Amino acid sequence: MKKHIVVIGGYGHVGAQICRSLGGKYPGRVYAAGRNLDHAERFSQETGGQVKPMRFNRDAPADWDWLKTTKLVIVCIDQENTELAEACLASGTDYIDITANGSFLAQLEQLND
């Protein structure tokens, strides 16, 4: 069953705010994901375990198994390709991207064509 919420860039400035808010409403189901697992683990401890740590490196070859249990992905980092969004679409996972990069958003729009 899909019940997790993964915030990519979840221990950064914006992502941490989102994680804290969602972690209070859905404790133990929200994951702060980023390249540095130590940072994610420290952030998890700061939330009293309401937010769980997860390693995700956009530049590494991806293993999308985690999407099987993920209901929603919120992206708080800049991306260079639509691979994550495409994986979310393929797995039936909801996707929110808060980027301000217009050209990237145009690439995302073309996924619906």
PDB file of N, CA and C in Angstrom:
ATOM      1  N   MET A   1       0.834  -1.180   0.000  1.00  0.00           N
ATOM      2  CA  MET A   1       0.000   0.000   0.000  1.00  0.00           C
ATOM      3  C   MET A   1       0.885   1.252   0.000  1.00  0.00           C
ATOM      4  N   LYS A   2       0.500   2.234  -0.779  1.00  0.00           N
ATOM      5  CA  LYS A   2       1.254   3.480  -0.870  1.00  0.00           C
ATOM      6  C   LYS A   2       0.819   4.415   0.247  1.00  0.00           C
ATOM      7  N   LYS A   3       1.751   4.701   1.163  1.00  0.00           N
ATOM      8  CA  LYS A   3       1.405   5.592   2.270  1.00  0.00           C
ATOM      9  C   LYS A   3       2.508   6.572   2.637  1.00  0.00           C
ATOM     10  N   HIS A   4       3.679   6.453   2.024  1.00  0.00           N
ATOM     11  CA  HIS A   4       4.792   7.325   2.378  1.00  0.00           C
ATOM     12  C   HIS A   4       4.770   8.620   1.577  1.00  0.00           C
ATOM     13  N   ILE A   5       5.355   9.646   2.183  1.00  0.00           N
ATOM     14  CA  ILE A   5       5.571  10.936   1.532  1.00  0.00           C
ATOM     15  C   ILE A   5       7.074  11.176   1.556  1.00  0.00           C
ATOM     16  N   VAL A   6       7.673  11.364   0.403  1.00  0.00           N
ATOM     17  CA  VAL A   6       9.115  11.579   0.304  1.00  0.00           C
ATOM     18  C   VAL A   6       9.361  13.003  -0.176  1.00  0.00           C
ATOM     19  N   VAL A   7      10.136  13.731   0.610  1.00  0.00           N
ATOM     20  CA  VAL A   7      10.499  15.107   0.254  1.00  0.00           C
ATOM     21  C   VAL A   7      11.960  15.100  -0.166  1.00  0.00           C
ATOM     22  N   ILE A   8      12.201  15.276  -1.454  1.00  0.00           N
ATOM     23  CA  ILE A   8      13.560  15.310  -1.990  1.00  0.00           C
ATOM     24  C   ILE A   8      14.124  16.703  -1.686  1.00  0.00           C
ATOM     25  N   GLY A   9      15.268  16.735  -1.009  1.00  0.00           N
ATOM     26  CA  GLY A   9      15.793  17.993  -0.486  1.00  0.00           C
ATOM     27  C   GLY A   9      15.130  18.294   0.851  1.00  0.00           C
ATOM     28  N   GLY A  10      14.722  17.238   1.534  1.00  0.00           N
ATOM     29  CA  GLY A  10      13.893  17.344   2.723  1.00  0.00           C
ATOM     30  C   GLY A  10      14.552  17.902   3.959  1.00  0.00           C
ATOM     31  N   TYR A  11      15.862  17.986   3.984  1.00  0.00           N
ATOM     32  CA  TYR A  11      16.508  18.587   5.156  1.00  0.00           C
ATOM     33  C   TYR A  11      17.094  19.957   4.815  1.00  0.00           C
ATOM     34  N   GLY A  12      16.819  20.461   3.620  1.00  0.00           N
ATOM     35  CA  GLY A  12      17.217  21.819   3.233  1.00  0.00           C
ATOM     36  C   GLY A  12      16.238  22.831   3.804  1.00  0.00           C
ATOM     37  N   HIS A  13      16.443  24.088   3.496  1.00  0.00           N
ATOM     38  CA  HIS A  13      15.637  25.163   4.086  1.00  0.00           C
ATOM     39  C   HIS A  13      14.138  24.981   3.816  1.00  0.00           C
ATOM     40  N   VAL A  14      13.754  24.884   2.573  1.00  0.00           N
ATOM     41  CA  VAL A  14      12.336  24.757   2.215  1.00  0.00           C
ATOM     42  C   VAL A  14      11.826  23.356   2.541  1.00  0.00           C
ATOM     43  N   GLY A  15      12.585  22.341   2.152  1.00  0.00           N
ATOM     44  CA  GLY A  15      12.165  20.967   2.384  1.00  0.00           C
ATOM     45  C   GLY A  15      11.963  20.642   3.850  1.00  0.00           C
ATOM     46  N   ALA A  16      12.808  21.192   4.709  1.00  0.00           N
ATOM     47  CA  ALA A  16      12.685  20.931   6.143  1.00  0.00           C
ATOM     48  C   ALA A  16      11.373  21.483   6.689  1.00  0.00           C
ATOM     49  N   GLN A  17      10.966  22.651   6.210  1.00  0.00           N
ATOM     50  CA  GLN A  17       9.684  23.226   6.645  1.00  0.00           C
ATOM     51  C   GLN A  17       8.524  22.333   6.220  1.00  0.00           C
ATOM     52  N   ILE A  18       8.594  21.839   5.000  1.00  0.00           N
ATOM     53  CA  ILE A  18       7.546  20.950   4.495  1.00  0.00           C
ATOM     54  C   ILE A  18       7.527  19.658   5.311  1.00  0.00           C
ATOM     55  N   CYS A  19       8.704  19.092   5.561  1.00  0.00           N
ATOM     56  CA  CYS A  19       8.796  17.849   6.339  1.00  0.00           C
ATOM     57  C   CYS A  19       8.248  18.031   7.745  1.00  0.00           C
ATOM     58  N   ARG A  20       8.600  19.120   8.396  1.00  0.00           N
ATOM     59  CA  ARG A  20       8.112  19.350   9.761  1.00  0.00           C
ATOM     60  C   ARG A  20       6.588  19.440   9.794  1.00  0.00           C
ATOM     61  N   SER A  21       6.049  20.169   8.849  1.00  0.00           N
ATOM     62  CA  SER A  21       4.599  20.329   8.795  1.00  0.00           C
ATOM     63  C   SER A  21       3.904  18.993   8.532  1.00  0.00           C
ATOM     64  N   LEU A  22       4.361  18.276   7.525  1.00  0.00           N
ATOM     65  CA  LEU A  22       3.743  16.990   7.193  1.00  0.00           C
ATOM     66  C   LEU A  22       4.029  15.929   8.248  1.00  0.00           C
ATOM     67  N   GLY A  23       5.234  15.968   8.837  1.00  0.00           N
ATOM     68  CA  GLY A  23       5.595  15.004   9.870  1.00  0.00           C
ATOM     69  C   GLY A  23       4.710  15.108  11.094  1.00  0.00           C
ATOM     70  N   GLY A  24       4.263  16.305  11.408  1.00  0.00           N
ATOM     71  CA  GLY A  24       3.347  16.488  12.522  1.00  0.00           C
ATOM     72  C   GLY A  24       1.979  15.878  12.255  1.00  0.00           C
ATOM     73  N   LYS A  25       1.577  15.871  10.991  1.00  0.00           N
ATOM     74  CA  LYS A  25       0.273  15.324  10.607  1.00  0.00           C
ATOM     75  C   LYS A  25       0.338  13.831  10.296  1.00  0.00           C
ATOM     76  N   TYR A  26       1.480  13.387   9.771  1.00  0.00           N
ATOM     77  CA  TYR A  26       1.653  11.991   9.358  1.00  0.00           C
ATOM     78  C   TYR A  26       2.956  11.429   9.928  1.00  0.00           C
ATOM     79  N   PRO A  27       3.078  11.364  11.244  1.00  0.00           N
ATOM     80  CA  PRO A  27       4.352  10.932  11.853  1.00  0.00           C
ATOM     81  C   PRO A  27       4.756   9.532  11.407  1.00  0.00           C
ATOM     82  N   GLY A  28       6.032   9.412  11.053  1.00  0.00           N
ATOM     83  CA  GLY A  28       6.587   8.133  10.635  1.00  0.00           C
ATOM     84  C   GLY A  28       6.332   7.769   9.187  1.00  0.00           C
ATOM     85  N   ARG A  29       5.566   8.597   8.487  1.00  0.00           N
ATOM     86  CA  ARG A  29       5.269   8.324   7.077  1.00  0.00           C
ATOM     87  C   ARG A  29       5.975   9.287   6.128  1.00  0.00           C
ATOM     88  N   VAL A  30       6.660  10.291   6.683  1.00  0.00           N
ATOM     89  CA  VAL A  30       7.329  11.320   5.887  1.00  0.00           C
ATOM     90  C   VAL A  30       8.829  11.059   5.914  1.00  0.00           C
ATOM     91  N   TYR A  31       9.458  11.158   4.749  1.00  0.00           N
ATOM     92  CA  TYR A  31      10.898  10.916   4.614  1.00  0.00           C
ATOM     93  C   TYR A  31      11.580  12.161   4.081  1.00  0.00           C
ATOM     94  N   ALA A  32      12.635  12.590   4.772  1.00  0.00           N
ATOM     95  CA  ALA A  32      13.495  13.679   4.296  1.00  0.00           C
ATOM     96  C   ALA A  32      14.615  13.021   3.507  1.00  0.00           C
ATOM     97  N   ALA A  33      14.614  13.221   2.201  1.00  0.00           N
ATOM     98  CA  ALA A  33      15.573  12.551   1.331  1.00  0.00           C
ATOM     99  C   ALA A  33      16.594  13.533   0.778  1.00  0.00           C
ATOM    100  N   GLY A  34      17.835  13.074   0.683  1.00  0.00           N
ATOM    101  CA  GLY A  34      18.898  13.878   0.103  1.00  0.00           C
ATOM    102  C   GLY A  34      20.157  13.055  -0.057  1.00  0.00           C
ATOM    103  N   ARG A  35      21.179  13.681  -0.619  1.00  0.00           N
ATOM    104  CA  ARG A  35      22.440  12.972  -0.890  1.00  0.00           C
ATOM    105  C   ARG A  35      23.163  12.541   0.367  1.00  0.00           C
ATOM    106  N   ASN A  36      23.040  13.326   1.421  1.00  0.00           N
ATOM    107  CA  ASN A  36      23.815  13.075   2.627  1.00  0.00           C
ATOM    108  C   ASN A  36      22.939  12.414   3.693  1.00  0.00           C
ATOM    109  N   LEU A  37      23.091  11.111   3.849  1.00  0.00           N
ATOM    110  CA  LEU A  37      22.269  10.376   4.809  1.00  0.00           C
ATOM    111  C   LEU A  37      22.513  10.850   6.236  1.00  0.00           C
ATOM    112  N   ASP A  38      23.740  11.248   6.569  1.00  0.00           N
ATOM    113  CA  ASP A  38      24.022  11.759   7.922  1.00  0.00           C
ATOM    114  C   ASP A  38      23.182  13.000   8.224  1.00  0.00           C
ATOM    115  N   HIS A  39      23.070  13.906   7.241  1.00  0.00           N
ATOM    116  CA  HIS A  39      22.246  15.108   7.437  1.00  0.00           C
ATOM    117  C   HIS A  39      20.784  14.729   7.619  1.00  0.00           C
ATOM    118  N   ALA A  40      20.319  13.778   6.812  1.00  0.00           N
ATOM    119  CA  ALA A  40      18.931  13.333   6.914  1.00  0.00           C
ATOM    120  C   ALA A  40      18.669  12.685   8.273  1.00  0.00           C
ATOM    121  N   GLU A  41      19.624  11.916   8.763  1.00  0.00           N
ATOM    122  CA  GLU A  41      19.466  11.263  10.066  1.00  0.00           C
ATOM    123  C   GLU A  41      19.445  12.289  11.203  1.00  0.00           C
ATOM    124  N   ARG A  42      20.319  13.301  11.127  1.00  0.00           N
ATOM    125  CA  ARG A  42      20.308  14.356  12.148  1.00  0.00           C
ATOM    126  C   ARG A  42      18.983  15.115  12.141  1.00  0.00           C
ATOM    127  N   PHE A  43      18.500  15.406  10.948  1.00  0.00           N
ATOM    128  CA  PHE A  43      17.221  16.103  10.844  1.00  0.00           C
ATOM    129  C   PHE A  43      16.100  15.237  11.418  1.00  0.00           C
ATOM    130  N   SER A  44      16.127  13.950  11.125  1.00  0.00           N
ATOM    131  CA  SER A  44      15.139  13.031  11.672  1.00  0.00           C
ATOM    132  C   SER A  44      15.139  13.072  13.196  1.00  0.00           C
ATOM    133  N   GLN A  45      16.327  13.087  13.787  1.00  0.00           N
ATOM    134  CA  GLN A  45      16.436  13.161  15.248  1.00  0.00           C
ATOM    135  C   GLN A  45      15.850  14.468  15.774  1.00  0.00           C
ATOM    136  N   GLU A  46      16.076  15.577  15.039  1.00  0.00           N
ATOM    137  CA  GLU A  46      15.528  16.881  15.448  1.00  0.00           C
ATOM    138  C   GLU A  46      13.997  16.860  15.477  1.00  0.00           C
ATOM    139  N   THR A  47      13.390  16.033  14.639  1.00  0.00           N
ATOM    140  CA  THR A  47      11.926  15.956  14.588  1.00  0.00           C
ATOM    141  C   THR A  47      11.386  14.900  15.545  1.00  0.00           C
ATOM    142  N   GLY A  48      12.248  14.323  16.353  1.00  0.00           N
ATOM    143  CA  GLY A  48      11.815  13.278  17.276  1.00  0.00           C
ATOM    144  C   GLY A  48      11.370  12.018  16.566  1.00  0.00           C
ATOM    145  N   GLY A  49      11.877  11.824  15.355  1.00  0.00           N
ATOM    146  CA  GLY A  49      11.535  10.635  14.583  1.00  0.00           C
ATOM    147  C   GLY A  49      10.235  10.748  13.805  1.00  0.00           C
ATOM    148  N   GLN A  50       9.579  11.911  13.878  1.00  0.00           N
ATOM    149  CA  GLN A  50       8.359  12.087  13.079  1.00  0.00           C
ATOM    150  C   GLN A  50       8.668  12.020  11.595  1.00  0.00           C
ATOM    151  N   VAL A  51       9.856  12.514  11.221  1.00  0.00           N
ATOM    152  CA  VAL A  51      10.334  12.457   9.842  1.00  0.00           C
ATOM    153  C   VAL A  51      11.474  11.454   9.805  1.00  0.00           C
ATOM    154  N   LYS A  52      11.433  10.560   8.838  1.00  0.00           N
ATOM    155  CA  LYS A  52      12.469   9.532   8.724  1.00  0.00           C
ATOM    156  C   LYS A  52      13.516   9.953   7.689  1.00  0.00           C
ATOM    157  N   PRO A  53      14.743   9.463   7.830  1.00  0.00           N
ATOM    158  CA  PRO A  53      15.793   9.806   6.871  1.00  0.00           C
ATOM    159  C   PRO A  53      15.778   8.868   5.661  1.00  0.00           C
ATOM    160  N   MET A  54      16.230   9.408   4.538  1.00  0.00           N
ATOM    161  CA  MET A  54      16.345   8.600   3.319  1.00  0.00           C
ATOM    162  C   MET A  54      17.457   9.180   2.458  1.00  0.00           C
ATOM    163  N   ARG A  55      18.239   8.306   1.856  1.00  0.00           N
ATOM    164  CA  ARG A  55      19.277   8.762   0.926  1.00  0.00           C
ATOM    165  C   ARG A  55      18.720   8.768  -0.487  1.00  0.00           C
ATOM    166  N   PHE A  56      18.875   9.887  -1.177  1.00  0.00           N
ATOM    167  CA  PHE A  56      18.506   9.997  -2.590  1.00  0.00           C
ATOM    168  C   PHE A  56      19.502  10.924  -3.261  1.00  0.00           C
ATOM    169  N   ASN A  57      20.176  10.416  -4.269  1.00  0.00           N
ATOM    170  CA  ASN A  57      21.151  11.210  -5.011  1.00  0.00           C
ATOM    171  C   ASN A  57      20.685  11.287  -6.459  1.00  0.00           C
ATOM    172  N   ARG A  58      20.275  12.473  -6.882  1.00  0.00           N
ATOM    173  CA  ARG A  58      19.761  12.635  -8.247  1.00  0.00           C
ATOM    174  C   ARG A  58      20.803  12.309  -9.311  1.00  0.00           C
ATOM    175  N   ASP A  59      22.090  12.338  -8.937  1.00  0.00           N
ATOM    176  CA  ASP A  59      23.154  12.108  -9.907  1.00  0.00           C
ATOM    177  C   ASP A  59      23.604  10.650  -9.975  1.00  0.00           C
ATOM    178  N   ALA A  60      23.054   9.801  -9.121  1.00  0.00           N
ATOM    179  CA  ALA A  60      23.443   8.388  -9.090  1.00  0.00           C
ATOM    180  C   ALA A  60      22.401   7.568  -9.855  1.00  0.00           C
ATOM    181  N   PRO A  61      22.811   6.404 -10.342  1.00  0.00           N
ATOM    182  CA  PRO A  61      21.821   5.527 -10.980  1.00  0.00           C
ATOM    183  C   PRO A  61      20.687   5.234  -9.996  1.00  0.00           C
ATOM    184  N   ALA A  62      19.477   5.333 -10.476  1.00  0.00           N
ATOM    185  CA  ALA A  62      18.328   5.258  -9.584  1.00  0.00           C
ATOM    186  C   ALA A  62      17.775   3.846  -9.441  1.00  0.00           C
ATOM    187  N   ASP A  63      17.372   3.547  -8.233  1.00  0.00           N
ATOM    188  CA  ASP A  63      16.607   2.351  -7.919  1.00  0.00           C
ATOM    189  C   ASP A  63      15.254   2.863  -7.448  1.00  0.00           C
ATOM    190  N   TRP A  64      14.218   2.619  -8.205  1.00  0.00           N
ATOM    191  CA  TRP A  64      12.910   3.211  -7.938  1.00  0.00           C
ATOM    192  C   TRP A  64      12.009   2.321  -7.078  1.00  0.00           C
ATOM    193  N   ASP A  65      12.537   1.298  -6.440  1.00  0.00           N
ATOM    194  CA  ASP A  65      11.714   0.408  -5.616  1.00  0.00           C
ATOM    195  C   ASP A  65      10.947   1.149  -4.529  1.00  0.00           C
ATOM    196  N   TRP A  66      11.522   2.213  -3.985  1.00  0.00           N
ATOM    197  CA  TRP A  66      10.878   2.968  -2.911  1.00  0.00           C
ATOM    198  C   TRP A  66       9.563   3.595  -3.364  1.00  0.00           C
ATOM    199  N   LEU A  67       9.373   3.755  -4.669  1.00  0.00           N
ATOM    200  CA  LEU A  67       8.127   4.341  -5.161  1.00  0.00           C
ATOM    201  C   LEU A  67       6.940   3.393  -4.982  1.00  0.00           C
ATOM    202  N   LYS A  68       7.208   2.112  -4.778  1.00  0.00           N
ATOM    203  CA  LYS A  68       6.122   1.143  -4.582  1.00  0.00           C
ATOM    204  C   LYS A  68       5.291   1.453  -3.343  1.00  0.00           C
ATOM    205  N   THR A  69       5.908   2.079  -2.339  1.00  0.00           N
ATOM    206  CA  THR A  69       5.200   2.399  -1.097  1.00  0.00           C
ATOM    207  C   THR A  69       5.011   3.905  -0.911  1.00  0.00           C
ATOM    208  N   THR A  70       5.347   4.677  -1.934  1.00  0.00           N
ATOM    209  CA  THR A  70       5.291   6.140  -1.826  1.00  0.00           C
ATOM    210  C   THR A  70       4.056   6.679  -2.537  1.00  0.00           C
ATOM    211  N   LYS A  71       3.243   7.398  -1.795  1.00  0.00           N
ATOM    212  CA  LYS A  71       2.035   8.017  -2.338  1.00  0.00           C
ATOM    213  C   LYS A  71       2.336   9.358  -2.996  1.00  0.00           C
ATOM    214  N   LEU A  72       3.283  10.115  -2.406  1.00  0.00           N
ATOM    215  CA  LEU A  72       3.564  11.474  -2.865  1.00  0.00           C
ATOM    216  C   LEU A  72       5.052  11.769  -2.782  1.00  0.00           C
ATOM    217  N   VAL A  73       5.592  12.379  -3.843  1.00  0.00           N
ATOM    218  CA  VAL A  73       6.963  12.884  -3.857  1.00  0.00           C
ATOM    219  C   VAL A  73       6.882  14.399  -4.034  1.00  0.00           C
ATOM    220  N   ILE A  74       7.570  15.115  -3.144  1.00  0.00           N
ATOM    221  CA  ILE A  74       7.670  16.572  -3.240  1.00  0.00           C
ATOM    222  C   ILE A  74       9.141  16.896  -3.486  1.00  0.00           C
ATOM    223  N   VAL A  75       9.431  17.587  -4.568  1.00  0.00           N
ATOM    224  CA  VAL A  75      10.818  17.863  -4.953  1.00  0.00           C
ATOM    225  C   VAL A  75      11.168  19.309  -4.637  1.00  0.00           C
ATOM    226  N   CYS A  76      12.207  19.473  -3.809  1.00  0.00           N
ATOM    227  CA  CYS A  76      12.663  20.803  -3.375  1.00  0.00           C
ATOM    228  C   CYS A  76      14.099  21.053  -3.818  1.00  0.00           C
ATOM    229  N   ILE A  77      14.517  20.435  -4.897  1.00  0.00           N
ATOM    230  CA  ILE A  77      15.857  20.642  -5.457  1.00  0.00           C
ATOM    231  C   ILE A  77      15.709  20.921  -6.943  1.00  0.00           C
ATOM    232  N   ASP A  78      16.725  21.517  -7.527  1.00  0.00           N
ATOM    233  CA  ASP A  78      16.736  21.705  -8.970  1.00  0.00           C
ATOM    234  C   ASP A  78      17.144  20.396  -9.637  1.00  0.00           C
ATOM    235  N   GLN A  79      16.492  20.099 -10.744  1.00  0.00           N
ATOM    236  CA  GLN A  79      16.783  18.870 -11.479  1.00  0.00           C
ATOM    237  C   GLN A  79      17.214  19.213 -12.895  1.00  0.00           C
ATOM    238  N   GLU A  80      17.931  18.291 -13.485  1.00  0.00           N
ATOM    239  CA  GLU A  80      18.408  18.495 -14.844  1.00  0.00           C
ATOM    240  C   GLU A  80      17.681  17.628 -15.859  1.00  0.00           C
ATOM    241  N   ASN A  81      16.889  16.660 -15.366  1.00  0.00           N
ATOM    242  CA  ASN A  81      16.120  15.816 -16.284  1.00  0.00           C
ATOM    243  C   ASN A  81      14.818  15.412 -15.601  1.00  0.00           C
ATOM    244  N   THR A  82      13.947  14.789 -16.368  1.00  0.00           N
ATOM    245  CA  THR A  82      12.616  14.436 -15.860  1.00  0.00           C
ATOM    246  C   THR A  82      12.524  12.975 -15.427  1.00  0.00           C
ATOM    247  N   GLU A  83      13.650  12.330 -15.205  1.00  0.00           N
ATOM    248  CA  GLU A  83      13.656  10.909 -14.869  1.00  0.00           C
ATOM    249  C   GLU A  83      12.822  10.596 -13.623  1.00  0.00           C
ATOM    250  N   LEU A  84      12.954  11.381 -12.577  1.00  0.00           N
ATOM    251  CA  LEU A  84      12.188  11.146 -11.352  1.00  0.00           C
ATOM    252  C   LEU A  84      10.695  11.323 -11.614  1.00  0.00           C
ATOM    253  N   ALA A  85      10.312  12.383 -12.299  1.00  0.00           N
ATOM    254  CA  ALA A  85       8.903  12.619 -12.601  1.00  0.00           C
ATOM    255  C   ALA A  85       8.339  11.475 -13.445  1.00  0.00           C
ATOM    256  N   GLU A  86       9.117  11.008 -14.400  1.00  0.00           N
ATOM    257  CA  GLU A  86       8.669   9.896 -15.244  1.00  0.00           C
ATOM    258  C   GLU A  86       8.501   8.617 -14.428  1.00  0.00           C
ATOM    259  N   ALA A  87       9.410   8.371 -13.493  1.00  0.00           N
ATOM    260  CA  ALA A  87       9.302   7.192 -12.634  1.00  0.00           C
ATOM    261  C   ALA A  87       8.056   7.289 -11.752  1.00  0.00           C
ATOM    262  N   CYS A  88       7.761   8.485 -11.270  1.00  0.00           N
ATOM    263  CA  CYS A  88       6.560   8.685 -10.469  1.00  0.00           C
ATOM    264  C   CYS A  88       5.308   8.419 -11.305  1.00  0.00           C
ATOM    265  N   LEU A  89       5.267   8.948 -12.509  1.00  0.00           N
ATOM    266  CA  LEU A  89       4.126   8.706 -13.386  1.00  0.00           C
ATOM    267  C   LEU A  89       3.936   7.219 -13.643  1.00  0.00           C
ATOM    268  N   ALA A  90       5.022   6.529 -13.926  1.00  0.00           N
ATOM    269  CA  ALA A  90       4.951   5.099 -14.232  1.00  0.00           C
ATOM    270  C   ALA A  90       4.475   4.270 -13.038  1.00  0.00           C
ATOM    271  N   SER A  91       4.780   4.735 -11.829  1.00  0.00           N
ATOM    272  CA  SER A  91       4.427   3.963 -10.632  1.00  0.00           C
ATOM    273  C   SER A  91       3.111   4.401  -9.998  1.00  0.00           C
ATOM    274  N   GLY A  92       2.482   5.449 -10.542  1.00  0.00           N
ATOM    275  CA  GLY A  92       1.240   5.945  -9.966  1.00  0.00           C
ATOM    276  C   GLY A  92       1.451   6.768  -8.708  1.00  0.00           C
ATOM    277  N   THR A  93       2.627   7.347  -8.572  1.00  0.00           N
ATOM    278  CA  THR A  93       2.962   8.171  -7.410  1.00  0.00           C
ATOM    279  C   THR A  93       2.717   9.641  -7.749  1.00  0.00           C
ATOM    280  N   ASP A  94       2.001  10.349  -6.874  1.00  0.00           N
ATOM    281  CA  ASP A  94       1.769  11.777  -7.082  1.00  0.00           C
ATOM    282  C   ASP A  94       3.088  12.529  -6.966  1.00  0.00           C
ATOM    283  N   TYR A  95       3.217  13.611  -7.730  1.00  0.00           N
ATOM    284  CA  TYR A  95       4.479  14.344  -7.852  1.00  0.00           C
ATOM    285  C   TYR A  95       4.207  15.836  -7.773  1.00  0.00           C
ATOM    286  N   ILE A  96       4.931  16.510  -6.892  1.00  0.00           N
ATOM    287  CA  ILE A  96       4.881  17.971  -6.793  1.00  0.00           C
ATOM    288  C   ILE A  96       6.313  18.482  -6.896  1.00  0.00           C
ATOM    289  N   ASP A  97       6.526  19.465  -7.751  1.00  0.00           N
ATOM    290  CA  ASP A  97       7.850  20.070  -7.898  1.00  0.00           C
ATOM    291  C   ASP A  97       7.716  21.557  -7.642  1.00  0.00           C
ATOM    292  N   ILE A  98       8.505  22.071  -6.701  1.00  0.00           N
ATOM    293  CA  ILE A  98       8.378  23.487  -6.351  1.00  0.00           C
ATOM    294  C   ILE A  98       9.478  24.338  -6.987  1.00  0.00           C
ATOM    295  N   THR A  99      10.080  23.843  -8.052  1.00  0.00           N
ATOM    296  CA  THR A  99      11.139  24.588  -8.714  1.00  0.00           C
ATOM    297  C   THR A  99      10.616  25.895  -9.321  1.00  0.00           C
ATOM    298  N   ALA A 100      11.509  26.847  -9.449  1.00  0.00           N
ATOM    299  CA  ALA A 100      11.187  28.097 -10.133  1.00  0.00           C
ATOM    300  C   ALA A 100      11.816  28.124 -11.526  1.00  0.00           C
ATOM    301  N   ASN A 101      12.337  26.987 -11.969  1.00  0.00           N
ATOM    302  CA  ASN A 101      13.012  26.878 -13.253  1.00  0.00           C
ATOM    303  C   ASN A 101      11.970  26.658 -14.357  1.00  0.00           C
ATOM    304  N   GLY A 102      11.699  27.707 -15.108  1.00  0.00           N
ATOM    305  CA  GLY A 102      10.676  27.660 -16.153  1.00  0.00           C
ATOM    306  C   GLY A 102      10.940  26.629 -17.234  1.00  0.00           C
ATOM    307  N   SER A 103      12.182  26.492 -17.661  1.00  0.00           N
ATOM    308  CA  SER A 103      12.467  25.525 -18.727  1.00  0.00           C
ATOM    309  C   SER A 103      12.262  24.097 -18.233  1.00  0.00           C
ATOM    310  N   PHE A 104      12.561  23.828 -16.957  1.00  0.00           N
ATOM    311  CA  PHE A 104      12.318  22.494 -16.421  1.00  0.00           C
ATOM    312  C   PHE A 104      10.818  22.226 -16.315  1.00  0.00           C
ATOM    313  N   LEU A 105      10.061  23.223 -15.879  1.00  0.00           N
ATOM    314  CA  LEU A 105       8.618  23.049 -15.796  1.00  0.00           C
ATOM    315  C   LEU A 105       8.011  22.781 -17.176  1.00  0.00           C
ATOM    316  N   ALA A 106       8.566  23.406 -18.207  1.00  0.00           N
ATOM    317  CA  ALA A 106       8.107  23.143 -19.575  1.00  0.00           C
ATOM    318  C   ALA A 106       8.388  21.684 -19.958  1.00  0.00           C
ATOM    319  N   GLN A 107       9.529  21.152 -19.537  1.00  0.00           N
ATOM    320  CA  GLN A 107       9.824  19.732 -19.798  1.00  0.00           C
ATOM    321  C   GLN A 107       8.801  18.836 -19.093  1.00  0.00           C
ATOM    322  N   LEU A 108       8.441  19.197 -17.866  1.00  0.00           N
ATOM    323  CA  LEU A 108       7.449  18.412 -17.134  1.00  0.00           C
ATOM    324  C   LEU A 108       6.099  18.434 -17.825  1.00  0.00           C
ATOM    325  N   GLU A 109       5.711  19.592 -18.337  1.00  0.00           N
ATOM    326  CA  GLU A 109       4.422  19.714 -19.034  1.00  0.00           C
ATOM    327  C   GLU A 109       4.344  18.779 -20.229  1.00  0.00           C
ATOM    328  N   GLN A 110       5.465  18.571 -20.892  1.00  0.00           N
ATOM    329  CA  GLN A 110       5.469  17.718 -22.083  1.00  0.00           C
ATOM    330  C   GLN A 110       5.286  16.242 -21.750  1.00  0.00           C
ATOM    331  N   LEU A 111       5.454  15.868 -20.478  1.00  0.00           N
ATOM    332  CA  LEU A 111       5.232  14.478 -20.094  1.00  0.00           C
ATOM    333  C   LEU A 111       3.751  14.104 -20.214  1.00  0.00           C
ATOM    334  N   ASN A 112       2.870  15.086 -20.178  1.00  0.00           N
ATOM    335  CA  ASN A 112       1.436  14.813 -20.286  1.00  0.00           C
ATOM    336  C   ASN A 112       0.988  14.620 -21.727  1.00  0.00           C
ATOM    337  N   ASP A 113       1.819  14.949 -22.671  1.00  0.00           N
ATOM    338  CA  ASP A 113       1.439  14.830 -24.092  1.00  0.00           C
ATOM    339  C   ASP A 113       1.370  13.395 -24.546  1.00  0.00           C
TER     340      ASP A 113
END
